[in-house]
Amino acid sequence: MDSRELYPSDEQRRRIMDFIMAAGETLLENGAEVFRVEQTMEIMARSFHLREFHVYVLTNGIFASAGTAEIAEVRNVPVRTTHLGRVAAVNALSREIAAGGVTLDEAEHRLAEARRIPFPKGKTQLLAGMSGTACFALIFGGTIRSALAAAAAGLIVSGYLLLCENRRLSNGFRKVSAAALITLVCILGCHLLDTEASHAIIGALMILTPGIAFTMGIRDFVQGDYLSGTIRMIDALLIAASIAIGTGFVLSLISLLTGGTVV
């Protein structure tokens, strides 16, 4: 049976619906914008001739129906990461589907491949954390010694975050403990290198800041999706609060122990 036929059968329509929902879920859980997920799913439905398709996407869920609501699905997306490689692969697939050169069988195979694109290896993430924190320390006015202390903190914390991910620890605990660890390592490193710790701490904390969540929240507001924008903004504020709690705890503790200012 031709999977691009103008009037697909009931079985074929359900298969198309499952594919579209899986594609939307892949986009959403890997960092795509809410409006982009809706747009991509609508393009796929139109290209596969799935009639009366309606979709509503939130930051952690997808609601869709087709026909006169005889086909309806809900997908919960509790885990959101950032993997733009997978997002780009699904977007490329959607463009090829819209151009008419991909059958449903081929699309399902391509989507499965996109979902299996691996995250960067641990060594790559460690190197990125180390170099990123050093560069941020320099950008914020630090010296070479501040950058070295920030790089040490970035290396240690990147490894710590990988360990937390493997053990599936909660995101809130990760942010609080990682911020505390960064602050402690930067203070100790800057003390050994005889330089101020403020620039190193600020630079190293940048790898924890919720820049993507905050930016996408603003974009959702601009697109008129106030509910998704509010969810993302709250998420960004909670992460920022967790970072502040972890950093403030270490600074207060060391100040109490030393009887003076730390940075």
C-alpha atoms as a PDB file:
ATOM      1  CA  MET A   1       0.000   0.000   0.000  1.00  0.00           C
ATOM      2  CA  ASP A   2       1.304   3.491  -0.860  1.00  0.00           C
ATOM      3  CA  SER A   3       1.933   5.310   2.400  1.00  0.00           C
ATOM      4  CA  ARG A   4       1.469   8.688   0.643  1.00  0.00           C
ATOM      5  CA  GLU A   5      -1.984   7.897  -0.762  1.00  0.00           C
ATOM      6  CA  LEU A   6      -4.563  10.674  -0.693  1.00  0.00           C
ATOM      7  CA  TYR A   7      -7.053   8.784   1.490  1.00  0.00           C
ATOM      8  CA  PRO A   8      -5.118   6.407   3.797  1.00  0.00           C
ATOM      9  CA  SER A   9      -6.949   3.567   5.534  1.00  0.00           C
ATOM     10  CA  ASP A  10      -7.728   3.593   9.250  1.00  0.00           C
ATOM     11  CA  GLU A  11      -4.745   1.382  10.037  1.00  0.00           C
ATOM     12  CA  GLN A  12      -2.457   3.551   7.933  1.00  0.00           C
ATOM     13  CA  ARG A  13      -3.758   6.710   9.577  1.00  0.00           C
ATOM     14  CA  ARG A  14      -2.994   5.373  13.027  1.00  0.00           C
ATOM     15  CA  ARG A  15       0.493   4.473  11.904  1.00  0.00           C
ATOM     16  CA  ILE A  16       0.989   7.972  10.506  1.00  0.00           C
ATOM     17  CA  MET A  17      -0.313   9.441  13.757  1.00  0.00           C
ATOM     18  CA  ASP A  18       2.111   7.372  15.825  1.00  0.00           C
ATOM     19  CA  PHE A  19       5.005   8.500  13.618  1.00  0.00           C
ATOM     20  CA  ILE A  20       4.066  12.168  13.888  1.00  0.00           C
ATOM     21  CA  MET A  21       3.708  11.950  17.667  1.00  0.00           C
ATOM     22  CA  ALA A  22       7.096  10.235  17.959  1.00  0.00           C
ATOM     23  CA  ALA A  23       8.683  12.949  15.813  1.00  0.00           C
ATOM     24  CA  GLY A  24       7.144  15.689  17.965  1.00  0.00           C
ATOM     25  CA  GLU A  25       8.255  13.950  21.138  1.00  0.00           C
ATOM     26  CA  THR A  26      11.809  13.684  19.802  1.00  0.00           C
ATOM     27  CA  LEU A  27      11.882  17.387  19.016  1.00  0.00           C
ATOM     28  CA  LEU A  28      10.402  18.474  22.331  1.00  0.00           C
ATOM     29  CA  GLU A  29      12.590  16.326  24.581  1.00  0.00           C
ATOM     30  CA  ASN A  30      15.759  17.472  22.809  1.00  0.00           C
ATOM     31  CA  GLY A  31      15.290  21.213  23.093  1.00  0.00           C
ATOM     32  CA  ALA A  32      13.120  22.358  20.171  1.00  0.00           C
ATOM     33  CA  GLU A  33      10.800  25.338  20.586  1.00  0.00           C
ATOM     34  CA  VAL A  34       7.133  24.629  21.248  1.00  0.00           C
ATOM     35  CA  PHE A  35       5.875  26.447  18.146  1.00  0.00           C
ATOM     36  CA  ARG A  36       8.470  24.635  16.014  1.00  0.00           C
ATOM     37  CA  VAL A  37       7.244  21.267  17.271  1.00  0.00           C
ATOM     38  CA  GLU A  38       3.646  22.160  16.400  1.00  0.00           C
ATOM     39  CA  GLN A  39       4.658  23.474  12.983  1.00  0.00           C
ATOM     40  CA  THR A  40       6.721  20.397  12.122  1.00  0.00           C
ATOM     41  CA  MET A  41       3.981  17.997  13.188  1.00  0.00           C
ATOM     42  CA  GLU A  42       1.393  19.888  11.122  1.00  0.00           C
ATOM     43  CA  ILE A  43       3.666  19.794   8.061  1.00  0.00           C
ATOM     44  CA  MET A  44       4.149  16.043   8.416  1.00  0.00           C
ATOM     45  CA  ALA A  45       0.409  15.447   8.860  1.00  0.00           C
ATOM     46  CA  ARG A  46      -0.425  17.512   5.791  1.00  0.00           C
ATOM     47  CA  SER A  47       2.270  15.783   3.720  1.00  0.00           C
ATOM     48  CA  PHE A  48       0.952  12.316   4.646  1.00  0.00           C
ATOM     49  CA  HIS A  49      -2.666  13.450   4.007  1.00  0.00           C
ATOM     50  CA  LEU A  50      -3.766  13.003   7.619  1.00  0.00           C
ATOM     51  CA  ARG A  51      -7.022  14.962   7.613  1.00  0.00           C
ATOM     52  CA  GLU A  52      -8.328  17.257  10.341  1.00  0.00           C
ATOM     53  CA  PHE A  53      -5.069  17.143  12.297  1.00  0.00           C
ATOM     54  CA  HIS A  54      -4.895  19.344  15.384  1.00  0.00           C
ATOM     55  CA  VAL A  55      -2.023  19.562  17.871  1.00  0.00           C
ATOM     56  CA  TYR A  56      -1.336  21.452  21.084  1.00  0.00           C
ATOM     57  CA  VAL A  57       2.142  21.335  22.585  1.00  0.00           C
ATOM     58  CA  LEU A  58       3.334  22.319  26.040  1.00  0.00           C
ATOM     59  CA  THR A  59       6.879  22.169  27.350  1.00  0.00           C
ATOM     60  CA  ASN A  60       6.243  18.732  28.861  1.00  0.00           C
ATOM     61  CA  GLY A  61       3.395  17.252  26.817  1.00  0.00           C
ATOM     62  CA  ILE A  62       1.815  16.843  23.383  1.00  0.00           C
ATOM     63  CA  PHE A  63      -1.938  16.603  22.671  1.00  0.00           C
ATOM     64  CA  ALA A  64      -3.061  15.735  19.151  1.00  0.00           C
ATOM     65  CA  SER A  65      -6.085  14.444  17.276  1.00  0.00           C
ATOM     66  CA  ALA A  66      -6.956  13.594  13.680  1.00  0.00           C
ATOM     67  CA  GLY A  67     -10.194  13.186  11.789  1.00  0.00           C
ATOM     68  CA  THR A  68     -13.312  13.962  13.779  1.00  0.00           C
ATOM     69  CA  ALA A  69     -11.382  13.107  16.953  1.00  0.00           C
ATOM     70  CA  GLU A  70     -11.551   9.354  16.283  1.00  0.00           C
ATOM     71  CA  ILE A  71      -7.741   9.307  16.581  1.00  0.00           C
ATOM     72  CA  ALA A  72      -6.325  11.096  19.611  1.00  0.00           C
ATOM     73  CA  GLU A  73      -3.021  10.719  21.427  1.00  0.00           C
ATOM     74  CA  VAL A  74      -1.280  12.283  24.397  1.00  0.00           C
ATOM     75  CA  ARG A  75       2.455  12.089  25.007  1.00  0.00           C
ATOM     76  CA  ASN A  76       4.053  13.007  28.316  1.00  0.00           C
ATOM     77  CA  VAL A  77       7.579  14.400  27.931  1.00  0.00           C
ATOM     78  CA  PRO A  78       8.904  14.691  31.500  1.00  0.00           C
ATOM     79  CA  VAL A  79      12.600  14.765  30.588  1.00  0.00           C
ATOM     80  CA  ARG A  80      13.986  17.650  28.537  1.00  0.00           C
ATOM     81  CA  THR A  81      17.591  17.765  27.420  1.00  0.00           C
ATOM     82  CA  THR A  82      19.425  19.657  24.696  1.00  0.00           C
ATOM     83  CA  HIS A  83      20.608  17.718  21.658  1.00  0.00           C
ATOM     84  CA  LEU A  84      20.426  19.970  18.633  1.00  0.00           C
ATOM     85  CA  GLY A  85      21.802  17.213  16.408  1.00  0.00           C
ATOM     86  CA  ARG A  86      18.613  15.209  16.882  1.00  0.00           C
ATOM     87  CA  VAL A  87      16.496  18.328  16.377  1.00  0.00           C
ATOM     88  CA  ALA A  88      18.314  19.127  13.133  1.00  0.00           C
ATOM     89  CA  ALA A  89      17.893  15.539  11.905  1.00  0.00           C
ATOM     90  CA  VAL A  90      14.113  15.577  12.484  1.00  0.00           C
ATOM     91  CA  ASN A  91      13.799  19.013  10.872  1.00  0.00           C
ATOM     92  CA  ALA A  92      15.694  17.782   7.820  1.00  0.00           C
ATOM     93  CA  LEU A  93      13.421  14.746   7.670  1.00  0.00           C
ATOM     94  CA  SER A  94      10.305  16.930   7.826  1.00  0.00           C
ATOM     95  CA  ARG A  95      11.535  19.024   4.899  1.00  0.00           C
ATOM     96  CA  GLU A  96      12.119  15.906   2.812  1.00  0.00           C
ATOM     97  CA  ILE A  97       8.664  14.590   3.731  1.00  0.00           C
ATOM     98  CA  ALA A  98       7.111  17.896   2.680  1.00  0.00           C
ATOM     99  CA  ALA A  99       8.979  17.683  -0.627  1.00  0.00           C
ATOM    100  CA  GLY A 100       7.324  14.316  -1.250  1.00  0.00           C
ATOM    101  CA  GLY A 101      10.434  12.204  -1.511  1.00  0.00           C
ATOM    102  CA  VAL A 102      10.057  10.045   1.616  1.00  0.00           C
ATOM    103  CA  THR A 103       7.584   7.223   2.236  1.00  0.00           C
ATOM    104  CA  LEU A 104       6.258   6.372   5.671  1.00  0.00           C
ATOM    105  CA  ASP A 105       8.502   3.313   5.940  1.00  0.00           C
ATOM    106  CA  GLU A 106      11.566   5.393   5.129  1.00  0.00           C
ATOM    107  CA  ALA A 107      10.447   8.163   7.497  1.00  0.00           C
ATOM    108  CA  GLU A 108      10.032   5.751  10.399  1.00  0.00           C
ATOM    109  CA  HIS A 109      13.504   4.349   9.764  1.00  0.00           C
ATOM    110  CA  ARG A 110      15.053   7.822   9.549  1.00  0.00           C
ATOM    111  CA  LEU A 111      13.315   8.922  12.737  1.00  0.00           C
ATOM    112  CA  ALA A 112      14.624   5.879  14.605  1.00  0.00           C
ATOM    113  CA  GLU A 113      18.131   6.754  13.455  1.00  0.00           C
ATOM    114  CA  ALA A 114      17.696  10.379  14.586  1.00  0.00           C
ATOM    115  CA  ARG A 115      16.573   9.259  18.042  1.00  0.00           C
ATOM    116  CA  ARG A 116      19.725   7.142  18.352  1.00  0.00           C
ATOM    117  CA  ILE A 117      22.193   9.961  17.629  1.00  0.00           C
ATOM    118  CA  PRO A 118      24.466   9.806  20.696  1.00  0.00           C
ATOM    119  CA  PHE A 119      25.360  12.630  23.020  1.00  0.00           C
ATOM    120  CA  PRO A 120      28.973  13.854  22.951  1.00  0.00           C
ATOM    121  CA  LYS A 121      31.390  11.508  24.692  1.00  0.00           C
ATOM    122  CA  GLY A 122      32.375  12.116  28.293  1.00  0.00           C
ATOM    123  CA  LYS A 123      35.854  13.341  27.345  1.00  0.00           C
ATOM    124  CA  THR A 124      34.344  15.888  24.973  1.00  0.00           C
ATOM    125  CA  GLN A 125      32.017  17.207  27.679  1.00  0.00           C
ATOM    126  CA  LEU A 126      34.891  17.442  30.157  1.00  0.00           C
ATOM    127  CA  LEU A 127      37.006  19.378  27.661  1.00  0.00           C
ATOM    128  CA  ALA A 128      34.079  21.665  26.808  1.00  0.00           C
ATOM    129  CA  GLY A 129      33.413  22.368  30.485  1.00  0.00           C
ATOM    130  CA  MET A 130      37.045  23.124  31.181  1.00  0.00           C
ATOM    131  CA  SER A 131      37.603  25.407  28.188  1.00  0.00           C
ATOM    132  CA  GLY A 132      34.221  27.100  28.541  1.00  0.00           C
ATOM    133  CA  THR A 133      34.701  28.087  32.161  1.00  0.00           C
ATOM    134  CA  ALA A 134      38.199  29.405  31.473  1.00  0.00           C
ATOM    135  CA  CYS A 135      36.962  31.562  28.601  1.00  0.00           C
ATOM    136  CA  PHE A 136      34.041  32.913  30.624  1.00  0.00           C
ATOM    137  CA  ALA A 137      36.409  33.846  33.473  1.00  0.00           C
ATOM    138  CA  LEU A 138      38.536  35.842  31.025  1.00  0.00           C
ATOM    139  CA  ILE A 139      35.458  37.453  29.453  1.00  0.00           C
ATOM    140  CA  PHE A 140      34.284  38.690  32.848  1.00  0.00           C
ATOM    141  CA  GLY A 141      37.615  40.406  33.516  1.00  0.00           C
ATOM    142  CA  GLY A 142      39.612  37.701  35.238  1.00  0.00           C
ATOM    143  CA  THR A 143      43.324  37.042  34.900  1.00  0.00           C
ATOM    144  CA  ILE A 144      45.044  33.986  33.510  1.00  0.00           C
ATOM    145  CA  ARG A 145      45.272  32.604  37.045  1.00  0.00           C
ATOM    146  CA  SER A 146      41.538  33.123  37.533  1.00  0.00           C
ATOM    147  CA  ALA A 147      40.929  31.309  34.255  1.00  0.00           C
ATOM    148  CA  LEU A 148      43.089  28.386  35.396  1.00  0.00           C
ATOM    149  CA  ALA A 149      41.100  28.082  38.636  1.00  0.00           C
ATOM    150  CA  ALA A 150      37.830  28.280  36.680  1.00  0.00           C
ATOM    151  CA  ALA A 151      39.077  25.621  34.247  1.00  0.00           C
ATOM    152  CA  ALA A 152      39.852  23.271  37.151  1.00  0.00           C
ATOM    153  CA  ALA A 153      36.373  23.866  38.552  1.00  0.00           C
ATOM    154  CA  GLY A 154      34.798  23.297  35.111  1.00  0.00           C
ATOM    155  CA  LEU A 155      36.646  20.012  34.671  1.00  0.00           C
ATOM    156  CA  ILE A 156      35.685  18.711  38.112  1.00  0.00           C
ATOM    157  CA  VAL A 157      32.067  19.836  37.909  1.00  0.00           C
ATOM    158  CA  SER A 158      31.580  18.470  34.374  1.00  0.00           C
ATOM    159  CA  GLY A 159      32.704  15.074  35.655  1.00  0.00           C
ATOM    160  CA  TYR A 160      30.434  15.439  38.673  1.00  0.00           C
ATOM    161  CA  LEU A 161      27.423  16.251  36.475  1.00  0.00           C
ATOM    162  CA  LEU A 162      28.113  13.207  34.306  1.00  0.00           C
ATOM    163  CA  LEU A 163      28.160  11.078  37.467  1.00  0.00           C
ATOM    164  CA  CYS A 164      24.882  12.625  38.645  1.00  0.00           C
ATOM    165  CA  GLU A 165      23.302  11.915  35.262  1.00  0.00           C
ATOM    166  CA  ASN A 166      24.368   8.274  35.375  1.00  0.00           C
ATOM    167  CA  ARG A 167      22.855   7.939  38.844  1.00  0.00           C
ATOM    168  CA  ARG A 168      19.706   9.823  37.717  1.00  0.00           C
ATOM    169  CA  LEU A 169      19.796  12.338  40.565  1.00  0.00           C
ATOM    170  CA  SER A 170      17.208  15.122  40.616  1.00  0.00           C
ATOM    171  CA  ASN A 171      17.931  18.266  38.631  1.00  0.00           C
ATOM    172  CA  GLY A 172      17.510  20.534  41.649  1.00  0.00           C
ATOM    173  CA  PHE A 173      20.066  18.627  43.695  1.00  0.00           C
ATOM    174  CA  ARG A 174      22.483  18.614  40.757  1.00  0.00           C
ATOM    175  CA  LYS A 175      22.364  22.396  40.384  1.00  0.00           C
ATOM    176  CA  VAL A 176      22.672  23.179  44.085  1.00  0.00           C
ATOM    177  CA  SER A 177      25.524  20.748  44.683  1.00  0.00           C
ATOM    178  CA  ALA A 178      27.318  21.648  41.418  1.00  0.00           C
ATOM    179  CA  ALA A 179      27.182  25.367  42.249  1.00  0.00           C
ATOM    180  CA  ALA A 180      28.535  24.650  45.726  1.00  0.00           C
ATOM    181  CA  LEU A 181      31.326  22.499  44.285  1.00  0.00           C
ATOM    182  CA  ILE A 182      32.268  25.172  41.729  1.00  0.00           C
ATOM    183  CA  THR A 183      32.459  27.831  44.410  1.00  0.00           C
ATOM    184  CA  LEU A 184      34.568  25.675  46.699  1.00  0.00           C
ATOM    185  CA  VAL A 185      37.023  24.623  43.958  1.00  0.00           C
ATOM    186  CA  CYS A 186      37.370  28.185  42.655  1.00  0.00           C
ATOM    187  CA  ILE A 187      38.069  29.557  46.133  1.00  0.00           C
ATOM    188  CA  LEU A 188      40.677  26.903  46.863  1.00  0.00           C
ATOM    189  CA  GLY A 189      42.253  27.243  43.409  1.00  0.00           C
ATOM    190  CA  CYS A 190      42.426  31.028  43.568  1.00  0.00           C
ATOM    191  CA  HIS A 191      43.861  30.857  47.070  1.00  0.00           C
ATOM    192  CA  LEU A 192      46.660  28.595  45.817  1.00  0.00           C
ATOM    193  CA  LEU A 193      47.251  30.869  42.809  1.00  0.00           C
ATOM    194  CA  ASP A 194      47.042  34.018  44.941  1.00  0.00           C
ATOM    195  CA  THR A 195      44.281  35.761  42.991  1.00  0.00           C
ATOM    196  CA  GLU A 196      40.716  36.903  43.564  1.00  0.00           C
ATOM    197  CA  ALA A 197      38.066  34.217  43.258  1.00  0.00           C
ATOM    198  CA  SER A 198      35.124  36.313  42.081  1.00  0.00           C
ATOM    199  CA  HIS A 199      35.879  36.188  38.361  1.00  0.00           C
ATOM    200  CA  ALA A 200      36.648  32.472  38.473  1.00  0.00           C
ATOM    201  CA  ILE A 201      33.392  31.711  40.320  1.00  0.00           C
ATOM    202  CA  ILE A 202      31.274  33.792  37.957  1.00  0.00           C
ATOM    203  CA  GLY A 203      32.913  32.294  34.889  1.00  0.00           C
ATOM    204  CA  ALA A 204      32.560  28.714  36.111  1.00  0.00           C
ATOM    205  CA  LEU A 205      28.933  29.187  37.136  1.00  0.00           C
ATOM    206  CA  MET A 206      28.055  30.169  33.571  1.00  0.00           C
ATOM    207  CA  ILE A 207      27.981  26.512  32.514  1.00  0.00           C
ATOM    208  CA  LEU A 208      25.069  25.988  34.917  1.00  0.00           C
ATOM    209  CA  THR A 209      23.007  29.039  33.985  1.00  0.00           C
ATOM    210  CA  PRO A 210      19.628  28.335  32.293  1.00  0.00           C
ATOM    211  CA  GLY A 211      20.279  30.446  29.214  1.00  0.00           C
ATOM    212  CA  ILE A 212      18.398  28.191  26.794  1.00  0.00           C
ATOM    213  CA  ALA A 213      15.344  27.865  29.052  1.00  0.00           C
ATOM    214  CA  PHE A 214      15.215  31.624  29.620  1.00  0.00           C
ATOM    215  CA  THR A 215      15.623  32.461  25.918  1.00  0.00           C
ATOM    216  CA  MET A 216      13.001  29.943  24.832  1.00  0.00           C
ATOM    217  CA  GLY A 217      10.615  31.206  27.504  1.00  0.00           C
ATOM    218  CA  ILE A 218      10.903  34.720  26.066  1.00  0.00           C
ATOM    219  CA  ARG A 219      10.380  33.340  22.567  1.00  0.00           C
ATOM    220  CA  ASP A 220       7.256  31.442  23.660  1.00  0.00           C
ATOM    221  CA  PHE A 221       5.873  34.694  25.071  1.00  0.00           C
ATOM    222  CA  VAL A 222       6.593  36.474  21.778  1.00  0.00           C
ATOM    223  CA  GLN A 223       4.806  33.680  19.883  1.00  0.00           C
ATOM    224  CA  GLY A 224       1.764  34.135  22.140  1.00  0.00           C
ATOM    225  CA  ASP A 225       2.150  30.805  23.960  1.00  0.00           C
ATOM    226  CA  TYR A 226       1.975  32.262  27.450  1.00  0.00           C
ATOM    227  CA  LEU A 227       1.508  28.962  29.280  1.00  0.00           C
ATOM    228  CA  SER A 228       4.634  27.341  27.815  1.00  0.00           C
ATOM    229  CA  GLY A 229       6.552  30.589  28.274  1.00  0.00           C
ATOM    230  CA  THR A 230       5.547  30.740  31.932  1.00  0.00           C
ATOM    231  CA  ILE A 231       6.603  27.120  32.505  1.00  0.00           C
ATOM    232  CA  ARG A 232      10.015  27.731  30.942  1.00  0.00           C
ATOM    233  CA  MET A 233      10.528  30.978  32.853  1.00  0.00           C
ATOM    234  CA  ILE A 234       9.658  29.294  36.144  1.00  0.00           C
ATOM    235  CA  ASP A 235      12.069  26.498  35.281  1.00  0.00           C
ATOM    236  CA  ALA A 236      14.814  29.052  34.580  1.00  0.00           C
ATOM    237  CA  LEU A 237      14.117  30.902  37.829  1.00  0.00           C
ATOM    238  CA  LEU A 238      14.238  27.688  39.857  1.00  0.00           C
ATOM    239  CA  ILE A 239      17.595  26.775  38.316  1.00  0.00           C
ATOM    240  CA  ALA A 240      18.928  30.276  39.030  1.00  0.00           C
ATOM    241  CA  ALA A 241      17.702  30.007  42.624  1.00  0.00           C
ATOM    242  CA  SER A 242      19.401  26.610  42.998  1.00  0.00           C
ATOM    243  CA  ILE A 243      22.687  28.066  41.743  1.00  0.00           C
ATOM    244  CA  ALA A 244      22.371  30.984  44.171  1.00  0.00           C
ATOM    245  CA  ILE A 245      21.639  28.657  47.088  1.00  0.00           C
ATOM    246  CA  GLY A 246      24.650  26.441  46.395  1.00  0.00           C
ATOM    247  CA  THR A 247      27.021  29.375  45.888  1.00  0.00           C
ATOM    248  CA  GLY A 248      25.691  31.348  48.841  1.00  0.00           C
ATOM    249  CA  PHE A 249      25.946  28.361  51.165  1.00  0.00           C
ATOM    250  CA  VAL A 250      29.658  27.847  50.458  1.00  0.00           C
ATOM    251  CA  LEU A 251      30.467  31.564  50.598  1.00  0.00           C
ATOM    252  CA  SER A 252      28.633  31.956  53.898  1.00  0.00           C
ATOM    253  CA  LEU A 253      30.251  28.864  55.395  1.00  0.00           C
ATOM    254  CA  ILE A 254      33.794  29.867  54.437  1.00  0.00           C
ATOM    255  CA  SER A 255      33.188  33.466  55.554  1.00  0.00           C
ATOM    256  CA  LEU A 256      31.965  32.154  58.905  1.00  0.00           C
ATOM    257  CA  LEU A 257      34.993  29.893  59.294  1.00  0.00           C
ATOM    258  CA  THR A 258      37.565  32.505  58.244  1.00  0.00           C
ATOM    259  CA  GLY A 259      35.873  35.484  59.861  1.00  0.00           C
ATOM    260  CA  GLY A 260      36.115  37.688  56.762  1.00  0.00           C
ATOM    261  CA  THR A 261      35.139  38.137  53.150  1.00  0.00           C
ATOM    262  CA  VAL A 262      35.972  35.330  50.740  1.00  0.00           C
ATOM    263  CA  VAL A 263      36.070  36.931  47.304  1.00  0.00           C
END
